Amino acid sequence: MVREQLPHAGVSNGSLVIAGGVMLLTGAGLVGATALRRCRS
């Protein structure tokens, strides 16, 4: 894990929050794209 290499807990926590947000947005985007493809087809 990358967070284990970071010296400050605050930095690692912030990175986890950002990474989590990016993953959620990416997941939502994939789900939305899949839904649109299913509706169109």
N, C-alpha and C. Protein backbone atom coordinates (compact mmCIF):
# COMPACT_ATOMS: atom_id res chain seq x y z
N MET A 1 0.84 -1.21 0.00
CA MET A 1 0.00 0.00 0.00
C MET A 1 0.87 1.25 0.00
N VAL A 2 0.41 2.29 -0.65
CA VAL A 2 1.19 3.52 -0.74
C VAL A 2 1.17 4.26 0.60
N ARG A 3 0.06 4.17 1.31
CA ARG A 3 -0.09 4.93 2.55
C ARG A 3 0.92 4.48 3.60
N GLU A 4 1.41 3.25 3.52
CA GLU A 4 2.38 2.76 4.50
C GLU A 4 3.73 3.44 4.30
N GLN A 5 3.98 3.96 3.12
CA GLN A 5 5.26 4.60 2.82
C GLN A 5 5.25 6.09 3.21
N LEU A 6 4.07 6.65 3.42
CA LEU A 6 3.98 8.07 3.78
C LEU A 6 4.29 8.26 5.26
N PRO A 7 5.08 9.27 5.60
CA PRO A 7 5.50 9.51 6.98
C PRO A 7 4.41 10.10 7.86
N HIS A 8 3.52 10.91 7.29
CA HIS A 8 2.52 11.60 8.10
C HIS A 8 1.15 10.95 7.94
N ALA A 9 0.47 10.73 9.05
CA ALA A 9 -0.85 10.10 9.02
C ALA A 9 -1.84 11.01 8.30
N GLY A 10 -1.71 12.32 8.49
CA GLY A 10 -2.63 13.26 7.85
C GLY A 10 -2.55 13.16 6.33
N VAL A 11 -1.33 13.02 5.83
CA VAL A 11 -1.15 12.92 4.38
C VAL A 11 -1.77 11.64 3.86
N SER A 12 -1.54 10.54 4.60
CA SER A 12 -2.08 9.25 4.16
C SER A 12 -3.61 9.28 4.20
N ASN A 13 -4.16 9.88 5.25
CA ASN A 13 -5.62 9.96 5.36
C ASN A 13 -6.19 10.78 4.21
N GLY A 14 -5.55 11.90 3.91
CA GLY A 14 -6.02 12.74 2.81
C GLY A 14 -5.95 11.99 1.49
N SER A 15 -4.87 11.24 1.30
CA SER A 15 -4.71 10.49 0.06
C SER A 15 -5.79 9.42 -0.05
N LEU A 16 -6.11 8.79 1.09
CA LEU A 16 -7.14 7.75 1.08
C LEU A 16 -8.49 8.35 0.71
N VAL A 17 -8.77 9.53 1.27
CA VAL A 17 -10.05 10.19 0.97
C VAL A 17 -10.13 10.54 -0.51
N ILE A 18 -9.04 11.10 -1.03
CA ILE A 18 -9.01 11.48 -2.45
C ILE A 18 -9.13 10.23 -3.33
N ALA A 19 -8.38 9.19 -2.99
CA ALA A 19 -8.41 7.95 -3.77
C ALA A 19 -9.81 7.35 -3.73
N GLY A 20 -10.42 7.39 -2.54
CA GLY A 20 -11.78 6.85 -2.39
C GLY A 20 -12.76 7.62 -3.26
N GLY A 21 -12.63 8.94 -3.26
CA GLY A 21 -13.53 9.77 -4.05
C GLY A 21 -13.37 9.49 -5.54
N VAL A 22 -12.12 9.36 -5.96
CA VAL A 22 -11.85 9.07 -7.38
C VAL A 22 -12.44 7.72 -7.77
N MET A 23 -12.27 6.73 -6.87
CA MET A 23 -12.80 5.39 -7.16
C MET A 23 -14.32 5.43 -7.25
N LEU A 24 -14.95 6.20 -6.35
CA LEU A 24 -16.42 6.30 -6.37
C LEU A 24 -16.89 6.96 -7.67
N LEU A 25 -16.20 8.05 -8.06
CA LEU A 25 -16.59 8.75 -9.28
C LEU A 25 -16.39 7.86 -10.50
N THR A 26 -15.26 7.15 -10.51
CA THR A 26 -14.97 6.25 -11.64
C THR A 26 -16.01 5.14 -11.71
N GLY A 27 -16.33 4.57 -10.54
CA GLY A 27 -17.33 3.50 -10.49
C GLY A 27 -18.68 4.00 -10.97
N ALA A 28 -19.06 5.19 -10.52
CA ALA A 28 -20.35 5.76 -10.93
C ALA A 28 -20.36 6.01 -12.43
N GLY A 29 -19.24 6.47 -12.96
CA GLY A 29 -19.15 6.73 -14.40
C GLY A 29 -19.29 5.45 -15.20
N LEU A 30 -18.63 4.38 -14.73
CA LEU A 30 -18.71 3.09 -15.43
C LEU A 30 -20.14 2.56 -15.40
N VAL A 31 -20.78 2.67 -14.24
CA VAL A 31 -22.16 2.19 -14.10
C VAL A 31 -23.08 3.00 -15.02
N GLY A 32 -22.89 4.32 -15.05
CA GLY A 32 -23.72 5.17 -15.90
C GLY A 32 -23.52 4.84 -17.37
N ALA A 33 -22.27 4.65 -17.77
CA ALA A 33 -21.98 4.32 -19.17
C ALA A 33 -22.60 2.99 -19.55
N THR A 34 -22.49 2.02 -18.64
CA THR A 34 -23.07 0.69 -18.90
C THR A 34 -24.58 0.79 -19.02
N ALA A 35 -25.20 1.59 -18.16
CA ALA A 35 -26.66 1.74 -18.19
C ALA A 35 -27.08 2.39 -19.51
N LEU A 36 -26.33 3.40 -19.95
CA LEU A 36 -26.67 4.07 -21.21
C LEU A 36 -26.55 3.10 -22.38
N ARG A 37 -25.50 2.28 -22.36
CA ARG A 37 -25.30 1.32 -23.46
C ARG A 37 -26.43 0.32 -23.49
N ARG A 38 -26.88 -0.11 -22.30
CA ARG A 38 -27.95 -1.10 -22.24
C ARG A 38 -29.26 -0.49 -22.74
N CYS A 39 -29.49 0.77 -22.39
CA CYS A 39 -30.74 1.43 -22.81
C CYS A 39 -30.74 1.65 -24.32
N ARG A 40 -29.58 2.04 -24.86
CA ARG A 40 -29.50 2.31 -26.30
C ARG A 40 -29.63 1.03 -27.10
N SER A 41 -29.05 -0.04 -26.61
CA SER A 41 -29.08 -1.31 -27.32
C SER A 41 -30.35 -2.08 -26.94
